[in-house]
C-alpha atoms as a PDB file:
ATOM      1  CA  MET A   1      24.752 -40.235  25.511  1.00  0.00           C
ATOM      2  CA  TRP A   2      24.338 -44.012  25.118  1.00  0.00           C
ATOM      3  CA  LEU A   3      21.101 -44.655  26.639  1.00  0.00           C
ATOM      4  CA  LYS A   4      19.209 -48.024  27.000  1.00  0.00           C
ATOM      5  CA  ALA A   5      15.396 -47.877  27.318  1.00  0.00           C
ATOM      6  CA  SER A   6      14.095 -50.355  29.473  1.00  0.00           C
ATOM      7  CA  LEU A   7      10.667 -51.026  28.248  1.00  0.00           C
ATOM      8  CA  ASN A   8       8.685 -52.768  30.881  1.00  0.00           C
ATOM      9  CA  GLY A   9      10.772 -55.174  33.340  1.00  0.00           C
ATOM     10  CA  GLY A  10       8.882 -57.219  35.781  1.00  0.00           C
ATOM     11  CA  ARG A  11       5.766 -54.903  36.116  1.00  0.00           C
ATOM     12  CA  ALA A  12       2.452 -56.112  36.363  1.00  0.00           C
ATOM     13  CA  PRO A  13      -0.154 -55.117  33.919  1.00  0.00           C
ATOM     14  CA  GLY A  14      -1.790 -52.025  34.807  1.00  0.00           C
ATOM     15  CA  GLU A  15       1.096 -50.422  36.700  1.00  0.00           C
ATOM     16  CA  HIS A  16       1.289 -47.894  33.965  1.00  0.00           C
ATOM     17  CA  PRO A  17      -1.475 -47.197  31.092  1.00  0.00           C
ATOM     18  CA  ALA A  18       1.398 -47.391  28.514  1.00  0.00           C
ATOM     19  CA  LEU A  19       3.265 -50.738  29.829  1.00  0.00           C
ATOM     20  CA  PRO A  20       4.465 -52.625  26.727  1.00  0.00           C
ATOM     21  CA  LEU A  21       3.821 -56.201  27.195  1.00  0.00           C
ATOM     22  CA  THR A  22       3.066 -58.055  23.724  1.00  0.00           C
ATOM     23  CA  PRO A  23       5.478 -58.458  21.095  1.00  0.00           C
ATOM     24  CA  GLN A  24       3.699 -55.682  19.223  1.00  0.00           C
ATOM     25  CA  ASP A  25       3.577 -53.472  22.014  1.00  0.00           C
ATOM     26  CA  LEU A  26       7.018 -53.774  22.587  1.00  0.00           C
ATOM     27  CA  ALA A  27       7.735 -53.168  18.832  1.00  0.00           C
ATOM     28  CA  ASP A  28       6.037 -49.855  18.972  1.00  0.00           C
ATOM     29  CA  ASP A  29       7.638 -48.718  22.166  1.00  0.00           C
ATOM     30  CA  ALA A  30      11.184 -49.682  20.224  1.00  0.00           C
ATOM     31  CA  ARG A  31      10.239 -47.584  17.337  1.00  0.00           C
ATOM     32  CA  ALA A  32       9.031 -44.713  19.750  1.00  0.00           C
ATOM     33  CA  VAL A  33      12.048 -44.942  21.948  1.00  0.00           C
ATOM     34  CA  ALA A  34      14.569 -45.021  19.002  1.00  0.00           C
ATOM     35  CA  ALA A  35      12.782 -41.996  17.579  1.00  0.00           C
ATOM     36  CA  GLN A  36      13.834 -40.166  20.706  1.00  0.00           C
ATOM     37  CA  GLY A  37      17.318 -41.206  20.461  1.00  0.00           C
ATOM     38  CA  ALA A  38      17.680 -44.599  22.374  1.00  0.00           C
ATOM     39  CA  SER A  39      20.791 -46.389  21.611  1.00  0.00           C
ATOM     40  CA  ALA A  40      19.239 -50.002  22.425  1.00  0.00           C
ATOM     41  CA  VAL A  41      16.341 -51.534  24.111  1.00  0.00           C
ATOM     42  CA  HIS A  42      16.006 -53.898  26.896  1.00  0.00           C
ATOM     43  CA  ALA A  43      12.569 -56.106  27.365  1.00  0.00           C
ATOM     44  CA  HIS A  44      11.109 -58.834  29.417  1.00  0.00           C
ATOM     45  CA  PRO A  45       8.967 -60.892  26.844  1.00  0.00           C
ATOM     46  CA  ARG A  46       5.632 -62.189  28.317  1.00  0.00           C
ATOM     47  CA  ASP A  47       3.591 -65.198  27.776  1.00  0.00           C
ATOM     48  CA  ALA A  48      -0.179 -65.127  26.684  1.00  0.00           C
ATOM     49  CA  GLY A  49      -1.148 -64.149  30.298  1.00  0.00           C
ATOM     50  CA  GLY A  50       1.167 -61.253  30.548  1.00  0.00           C
ATOM     51  CA  LEU A  51       3.664 -63.015  32.882  1.00  0.00           C
ATOM     52  CA  GLU A  52       7.427 -62.904  32.336  1.00  0.00           C
ATOM     53  CA  THR A  53       8.815 -65.927  30.408  1.00  0.00           C
ATOM     54  CA  LEU A  54      12.354 -67.173  29.274  1.00  0.00           C
ATOM     55  CA  ASP A  55      10.573 -69.605  26.656  1.00  0.00           C
ATOM     56  CA  ALA A  56      12.435 -69.647  23.551  1.00  0.00           C
ATOM     57  CA  PRO A  57       9.240 -69.110  21.496  1.00  0.00           C
ATOM     58  CA  ALA A  58       8.104 -66.011  23.574  1.00  0.00           C
ATOM     59  CA  VAL A  59      11.893 -64.452  23.445  1.00  0.00           C
ATOM     60  CA  GLY A  60      11.582 -65.008  19.779  1.00  0.00           C
ATOM     61  CA  ALA A  61       8.478 -63.279  19.147  1.00  0.00           C
ATOM     62  CA  ALA A  62       9.329 -60.359  21.112  1.00  0.00           C
ATOM     63  CA  VAL A  63      12.814 -59.815  19.515  1.00  0.00           C
ATOM     64  CA  SER A  64      11.771 -60.595  16.292  1.00  0.00           C
ATOM     65  CA  ALA A  65       8.844 -57.944  16.434  1.00  0.00           C
ATOM     66  CA  ILE A  66      11.186 -55.309  17.788  1.00  0.00           C
ATOM     67  CA  ARG A  67      13.816 -55.922  14.855  1.00  0.00           C
ATOM     68  CA  ARG A  68      11.168 -55.611  12.313  1.00  0.00           C
ATOM     69  CA  ALA A  69      10.042 -52.505  13.661  1.00  0.00           C
ATOM     70  CA  VAL A  70      13.710 -50.739  14.122  1.00  0.00           C
ATOM     71  CA  PRO A  71      16.194 -52.925  12.181  1.00  0.00           C
ATOM     72  CA  GLY A  72      19.425 -52.681  13.572  1.00  0.00           C
ATOM     73  CA  LEU A  73      18.430 -51.473  17.144  1.00  0.00           C
ATOM     74  CA  PRO A  74      20.351 -53.633  19.679  1.00  0.00           C
ATOM     75  CA  VAL A  75      17.821 -55.712  21.727  1.00  0.00           C
ATOM     76  CA  GLY A  76      18.490 -57.390  25.325  1.00  0.00           C
ATOM     77  CA  VAL A  77      16.368 -59.519  27.360  1.00  0.00           C
ATOM     78  CA  SER A  78      16.435 -60.310  31.183  1.00  0.00           C
ATOM     79  CA  THR A  79      17.398 -63.757  32.850  1.00  0.00           C
ATOM     80  CA  GLY A  80      16.238 -62.749  36.228  1.00  0.00           C
ATOM     81  CA  LEU A  81      15.836 -65.980  38.362  1.00  0.00           C
ATOM     82  CA  TRP A  82      12.489 -64.797  39.511  1.00  0.00           C
ATOM     83  CA  ILE A  83      11.139 -65.534  35.873  1.00  0.00           C
ATOM     84  CA  THR A  84      11.519 -69.095  36.799  1.00  0.00           C
ATOM     85  CA  GLY A  85      10.279 -68.990  40.235  1.00  0.00           C
ATOM     86  CA  GLY A  86      13.738 -69.385  41.691  1.00  0.00           C
ATOM     87  CA  ASP A  87      14.499 -72.715  39.616  1.00  0.00           C
ATOM     88  CA  VAL A  88      17.962 -72.701  38.663  1.00  0.00           C
ATOM     89  CA  GLU A  89      17.800 -75.786  36.224  1.00  0.00           C
ATOM     90  CA  ALA A  90      14.393 -74.543  34.640  1.00  0.00           C
ATOM     91  CA  ARG A  91      16.135 -71.186  33.848  1.00  0.00           C
ATOM     92  CA  LEU A  92      19.275 -72.884  32.251  1.00  0.00           C
ATOM     93  CA  ARG A  93      16.999 -75.179  30.181  1.00  0.00           C
ATOM     94  CA  ALA A  94      15.174 -72.051  28.814  1.00  0.00           C
ATOM     95  CA  VAL A  95      18.123 -70.249  28.168  1.00  0.00           C
ATOM     96  CA  ARG A  96      19.777 -72.803  26.374  1.00  0.00           C
ATOM     97  CA  ALA A  97      16.992 -73.409  24.249  1.00  0.00           C
ATOM     98  CA  TRP A  98      17.632 -69.906  22.632  1.00  0.00           C
ATOM     99  CA  ALA A  99      20.491 -71.384  20.465  1.00  0.00           C
ATOM    100  CA  SER A 100      17.815 -72.991  18.432  1.00  0.00           C
ATOM    101  CA  LEU A 101      16.158 -69.688  17.676  1.00  0.00           C
ATOM    102  CA  PRO A 102      17.059 -68.270  14.233  1.00  0.00           C
ATOM    103  CA  ASP A 103      19.218 -65.207  14.072  1.00  0.00           C
ATOM    104  CA  GLU A 104      16.530 -62.570  13.772  1.00  0.00           C
ATOM    105  CA  GLU A 105      14.692 -64.014  16.692  1.00  0.00           C
ATOM    106  CA  ARG A 106      17.843 -64.287  19.118  1.00  0.00           C
ATOM    107  CA  PRO A 107      18.536 -61.369  21.311  1.00  0.00           C
ATOM    108  CA  ASP A 108      21.800 -59.577  20.903  1.00  0.00           C
ATOM    109  CA  PHE A 109      22.371 -59.718  24.733  1.00  0.00           C
ATOM    110  CA  ALA A 110      21.025 -60.872  27.929  1.00  0.00           C
ATOM    111  CA  SER A 111      21.685 -59.461  31.457  1.00  0.00           C
ATOM    112  CA  CYS A 112      22.920 -62.014  34.103  1.00  0.00           C
ATOM    113  CA  ASN A 113      22.743 -61.087  37.542  1.00  0.00           C
ATOM    114  CA  VAL A 114      26.000 -62.093  39.453  1.00  0.00           C
ATOM    115  CA  SER A 115      24.313 -62.312  42.773  1.00  0.00           C
ATOM    116  CA  GLU A 116      21.820 -65.208  41.846  1.00  0.00           C
ATOM    117  CA  PRO A 117      22.569 -68.695  42.352  1.00  0.00           C
ATOM    118  CA  GLY A 118      24.052 -70.508  38.880  1.00  0.00           C
ATOM    119  CA  PHE A 119      25.542 -67.289  37.442  1.00  0.00           C
ATOM    120  CA  HIS A 120      28.449 -68.996  35.926  1.00  0.00           C
ATOM    121  CA  ASP A 121      26.598 -71.829  34.184  1.00  0.00           C
ATOM    122  CA  LEU A 122      23.841 -69.257  32.949  1.00  0.00           C
ATOM    123  CA  ALA A 123      26.545 -66.795  31.594  1.00  0.00           C
ATOM    124  CA  VAL A 124      28.311 -69.731  29.940  1.00  0.00           C
ATOM    125  CA  ALA A 125      24.846 -71.019  28.538  1.00  0.00           C
ATOM    126  CA  VAL A 126      24.031 -67.383  27.326  1.00  0.00           C
ATOM    127  CA  LEU A 127      27.346 -67.232  25.312  1.00  0.00           C
ATOM    128  CA  GLY A 128      26.863 -70.674  23.983  1.00  0.00           C
ATOM    129  CA  SER A 129      23.509 -69.472  22.452  1.00  0.00           C
ATOM    130  CA  GLY A 130      25.124 -66.998  20.524  1.00  0.00           C
ATOM    131  CA  VAL A 131      24.153 -63.893  22.729  1.00  0.00           C
ATOM    132  CA  GLY A 132      25.939 -61.481  24.594  1.00  0.00           C
ATOM    133  CA  VAL A 133      26.270 -61.320  28.455  1.00  0.00           C
ATOM    134  CA  GLU A 134      25.712 -58.163  30.464  1.00  0.00           C
ATOM    135  CA  ALA A 135      26.845 -58.859  34.105  1.00  0.00           C
ATOM    136  CA  GLY A 136      24.640 -57.595  36.493  1.00  0.00           C
ATOM    137  CA  VAL A 137      26.756 -56.079  39.398  1.00  0.00           C
ATOM    138  CA  TRP A 138      24.677 -54.756  42.229  1.00  0.00           C
ATOM    139  CA  SER A 139      27.372 -54.430  44.911  1.00  0.00           C
ATOM    140  CA  ARG A 140      31.328 -54.724  45.636  1.00  0.00           C
ATOM    141  CA  ASP A 141      30.647 -58.317  46.741  1.00  0.00           C
ATOM    142  CA  ASP A 142      28.951 -58.839  43.143  1.00  0.00           C
ATOM    143  CA  ALA A 143      32.113 -57.269  41.628  1.00  0.00           C
ATOM    144  CA  GLU A 144      34.503 -59.965  43.466  1.00  0.00           C
ATOM    145  CA  GLU A 145      32.156 -62.728  42.372  1.00  0.00           C
ATOM    146  CA  LEU A 146      32.596 -61.538  38.891  1.00  0.00           C
ATOM    147  CA  ALA A 147      36.428 -61.277  38.862  1.00  0.00           C
ATOM    148  CA  ALA A 148      36.689 -64.607  40.549  1.00  0.00           C
ATOM    149  CA  SER A 149      34.176 -66.204  37.895  1.00  0.00           C
ATOM    150  CA  GLY A 150      36.668 -66.216  35.181  1.00  0.00           C
ATOM    151  CA  LEU A 151      34.119 -64.688  32.932  1.00  0.00           C
ATOM    152  CA  ALA A 152      34.944 -61.065  33.354  1.00  0.00           C
ATOM    153  CA  GLY A 153      36.954 -60.934  29.917  1.00  0.00           C
ATOM    154  CA  ARG A 154      33.825 -62.347  28.152  1.00  0.00           C
ATOM    155  CA  VAL A 155      31.187 -60.140  29.115  1.00  0.00           C
ATOM    156  CA  MET A 156      30.120 -57.222  26.679  1.00  0.00           C
ATOM    157  CA  ARG A 157      29.024 -54.916  29.440  1.00  0.00           C
ATOM    158  CA  VAL A 158      28.927 -54.513  33.268  1.00  0.00           C
ATOM    159  CA  LEU A 159      25.626 -53.101  34.530  1.00  0.00           C
ATOM    160  CA  VAL A 160      26.165 -51.464  37.581  1.00  0.00           C
ATOM    161  CA  GLU A 161      22.765 -51.719  39.071  1.00  0.00           C
ATOM    162  CA  ILE A 162      22.129 -49.829  42.493  1.00  0.00           C
ATOM    163  CA  MET A 163      19.045 -51.827  43.742  1.00  0.00           C
ATOM    164  CA  ASP A 164      16.822 -50.646  46.738  1.00  0.00           C
ATOM    165  CA  ALA A 165      18.574 -47.523  47.405  1.00  0.00           C
ATOM    166  CA  SER A 166      17.370 -44.163  48.356  1.00  0.00           C
ATOM    167  CA  ALA A 167      18.046 -40.821  46.254  1.00  0.00           C
ATOM    168  CA  GLU A 168      20.482 -39.759  48.860  1.00  0.00           C
ATOM    169  CA  ASP A 169      22.276 -43.099  49.048  1.00  0.00           C
ATOM    170  CA  ALA A 170      22.446 -44.198  45.464  1.00  0.00           C
ATOM    171  CA  VAL A 171      25.427 -41.927  43.975  1.00  0.00           C
ATOM    172  CA  PRO A 172      27.700 -42.943  47.078  1.00  0.00           C
ATOM    173  CA  GLU A 173      26.727 -46.554  46.659  1.00  0.00           C
ATOM    174  CA  ALA A 174      27.454 -46.378  42.787  1.00  0.00           C
ATOM    175  CA  ALA A 175      30.782 -44.744  43.548  1.00  0.00           C
ATOM    176  CA  ARG A 176      31.582 -47.827  46.012  1.00  0.00           C
ATOM    177  CA  VAL A 177      30.970 -50.357  43.162  1.00  0.00           C
ATOM    178  CA  LEU A 178      32.881 -48.477  40.376  1.00  0.00           C
ATOM    179  CA  ASP A 179      35.764 -48.010  42.703  1.00  0.00           C
ATOM    180  CA  GLY A 180      35.547 -51.807  43.196  1.00  0.00           C
ATOM    181  CA  LEU A 181      35.544 -52.771  39.617  1.00  0.00           C
ATOM    182  CA  ASP A 182      38.557 -50.575  39.167  1.00  0.00           C
ATOM    183  CA  ALA A 183      40.443 -52.167  41.992  1.00  0.00           C
ATOM    184  CA  LEU A 184      39.781 -55.457  40.656  1.00  0.00           C
ATOM    185  CA  GLY A 185      40.911 -54.585  37.094  1.00  0.00           C
ATOM    186  CA  LEU A 186      37.828 -55.339  35.588  1.00  0.00           C
ATOM    187  CA  THR A 187      37.732 -53.204  32.688  1.00  0.00           C
ATOM    188  CA  ALA A 188      34.718 -54.334  30.634  1.00  0.00           C
ATOM    189  CA  PRO A 189      32.385 -51.384  29.243  1.00  0.00           C
ATOM    190  CA  ARG A 190      30.016 -50.222  32.222  1.00  0.00           C
ATOM    191  CA  LEU A 191      26.512 -49.033  32.153  1.00  0.00           C
ATOM    192  CA  LEU A 192      25.008 -47.256  35.429  1.00  0.00           C
ATOM    193  CA  HIS A 193      21.650 -47.259  36.326  1.00  0.00           C
ATOM    194  CA  GLY A 194      18.894 -47.012  39.334  1.00  0.00           C
ATOM    195  CA  GLU A 195      15.357 -48.029  39.946  1.00  0.00           C
ATOM    196  CA  GLY A 196      12.680 -46.024  41.651  1.00  0.00           C
ATOM    197  CA  THR A 197      13.885 -42.845  43.380  1.00  0.00           C
ATOM    198  CA  ALA A 198      17.400 -43.475  42.507  1.00  0.00           C
ATOM    199  CA  ALA A 199      16.873 -43.561  38.792  1.00  0.00           C
ATOM    200  CA  TRP A 200      17.153 -40.105  37.980  1.00  0.00           C
ATOM    201  CA  PRO A 201      20.075 -39.326  40.529  1.00  0.00           C
ATOM    202  CA  LEU A 202      21.813 -42.305  38.871  1.00  0.00           C
ATOM    203  CA  LEU A 203      20.956 -41.014  35.519  1.00  0.00           C
ATOM    204  CA  GLU A 204      22.451 -37.775  36.194  1.00  0.00           C
ATOM    205  CA  GLU A 205      25.710 -39.406  37.840  1.00  0.00           C
ATOM    206  CA  ALA A 206      26.050 -41.708  34.600  1.00  0.00           C
ATOM    207  CA  VAL A 207      26.203 -38.419  32.559  1.00  0.00           C
ATOM    208  CA  ARG A 208      28.575 -36.558  34.795  1.00  0.00           C
ATOM    209  CA  ARG A 209      30.947 -39.810  34.617  1.00  0.00           C
ATOM    210  CA  GLY A 210      30.428 -40.335  31.002  1.00  0.00           C
ATOM    211  CA  LEU A 211      28.966 -43.719  31.333  1.00  0.00           C
ATOM    212  CA  PRO A 212      26.137 -45.156  29.332  1.00  0.00           C
ATOM    213  CA  GLY A 213      22.867 -44.947  31.190  1.00  0.00           C
ATOM    214  CA  ARG A 214      19.276 -46.607  31.223  1.00  0.00           C
ATOM    215  CA  MET A 215      15.894 -45.292  31.728  1.00  0.00           C
ATOM    216  CA  GLY A 216      12.352 -46.610  30.968  1.00  0.00           C
ATOM    217  CA  LEU A 217       8.981 -47.862  32.489  1.00  0.00           C
ATOM    218  CA  GLU A 218      11.002 -50.820  34.271  1.00  0.00           C
ATOM    219  CA  ASP A 219      12.956 -48.497  36.320  1.00  0.00           C
ATOM    220  CA  VAL A 220      10.685 -45.535  37.036  1.00  0.00           C
ATOM    221  CA  LEU A 221       7.166 -44.275  36.301  1.00  0.00           C
ATOM    222  CA  HIS A 222       7.648 -40.570  36.773  1.00  0.00           C
ATOM    223  CA  GLY A 223       9.777 -37.652  35.521  1.00  0.00           C
ATOM    224  CA  PRO A 224      12.908 -36.093  37.025  1.00  0.00           C
ATOM    225  CA  SER A 225      10.630 -33.787  39.151  1.00  0.00           C
ATOM    226  CA  GLY A 226       8.325 -36.469  39.737  1.00  0.00           C
ATOM    227  CA  GLU A 227       5.595 -35.548  37.458  1.00  0.00           C
ATOM    228  CA  PRO A 228       3.522 -38.015  35.665  1.00  0.00           C
ATOM    229  CA  VAL A 229       4.881 -39.290  32.184  1.00  0.00           C
ATOM    230  CA  SER A 230       2.909 -40.677  29.296  1.00  0.00           C
ATOM    231  CA  GLY A 231       5.321 -43.640  28.631  1.00  0.00           C
ATOM    232  CA  ASN A 232       8.998 -44.766  27.430  1.00  0.00           C
ATOM    233  CA  ALA A 233       9.302 -42.511  24.784  1.00  0.00           C
ATOM    234  CA  GLU A 234       8.709 -39.383  27.006  1.00  0.00           C
ATOM    235  CA  LEU A 235      11.215 -40.924  29.810  1.00  0.00           C
ATOM    236  CA  VAL A 236      13.905 -41.261  26.959  1.00  0.00           C
ATOM    237  CA  ARG A 237      13.527 -37.723  25.861  1.00  0.00           C
ATOM    238  CA  LEU A 238      13.569 -36.475  29.227  1.00  0.00           C
ATOM    239  CA  ALA A 239      16.874 -38.541  30.152  1.00  0.00           C
ATOM    240  CA  LEU A 240      18.550 -37.327  26.909  1.00  0.00           C
ATOM    241  CA  ALA A 241      17.413 -33.795  27.663  1.00  0.00           C
ATOM    242  CA  ARG A 242      19.354 -33.959  30.969  1.00  0.00           C
ATOM    243  CA  SER A 243      22.336 -35.531  29.359  1.00  0.00           C
ATOM    244  CA  ALA A 244      22.620 -32.740  27.013  1.00  0.00           C
ATOM    245  CA  GLN A 245      22.319 -30.163  29.900  1.00  0.00           C
ATOM    246  CA  GLY A 246      25.348 -32.199  31.278  1.00  0.00           C
END
């Protein structure tokens, strides 16, 4: 299974003892998850105070640390609007500055949520910075927005992200979104994942459908049976073990 490790997300310091925040933390975890078989990593770079940031120096520091630790491992970052406090223009300025980063500090891809204001301009700015776009599609409406944006043919991957769903509702909702993408003729590669109680059911659904998946402390803080986990490497190990079981 092609599995992306979601290393930290927007979690606050202290939510898990092994939550990676600094560039060195992220690099150490990237090395650990790659050793378990992760195919890529997704990280939310932090500032000196541990808060999420899109500022180019912080993004560059995180990405280059991961690259030094695991050469060749694809590295992605977030562009979530909450990171700039909902300021669309501040986000756009920050992302455009990524173009000034040297190649070794620039992410391979960035997730751009279709439902957030300014998606079109954001995606264009990410592409203009030499970074691939992962389009975050959370609903059938998002699928329609992506189709109408004129950018569907330029995204490297559609992230089918089922948010705020229960374990029982997550798989049927994923089916609705995936069917919507099919109906709209959107053929970009897809990755399926969820968060919280939906994370493990959707990992299993991704396996069943033969889709790439995602797992890490951003998404869930426990194993498939609710057991505590030591960190990202254990989550990746458990996820790939379940994928091997089919």
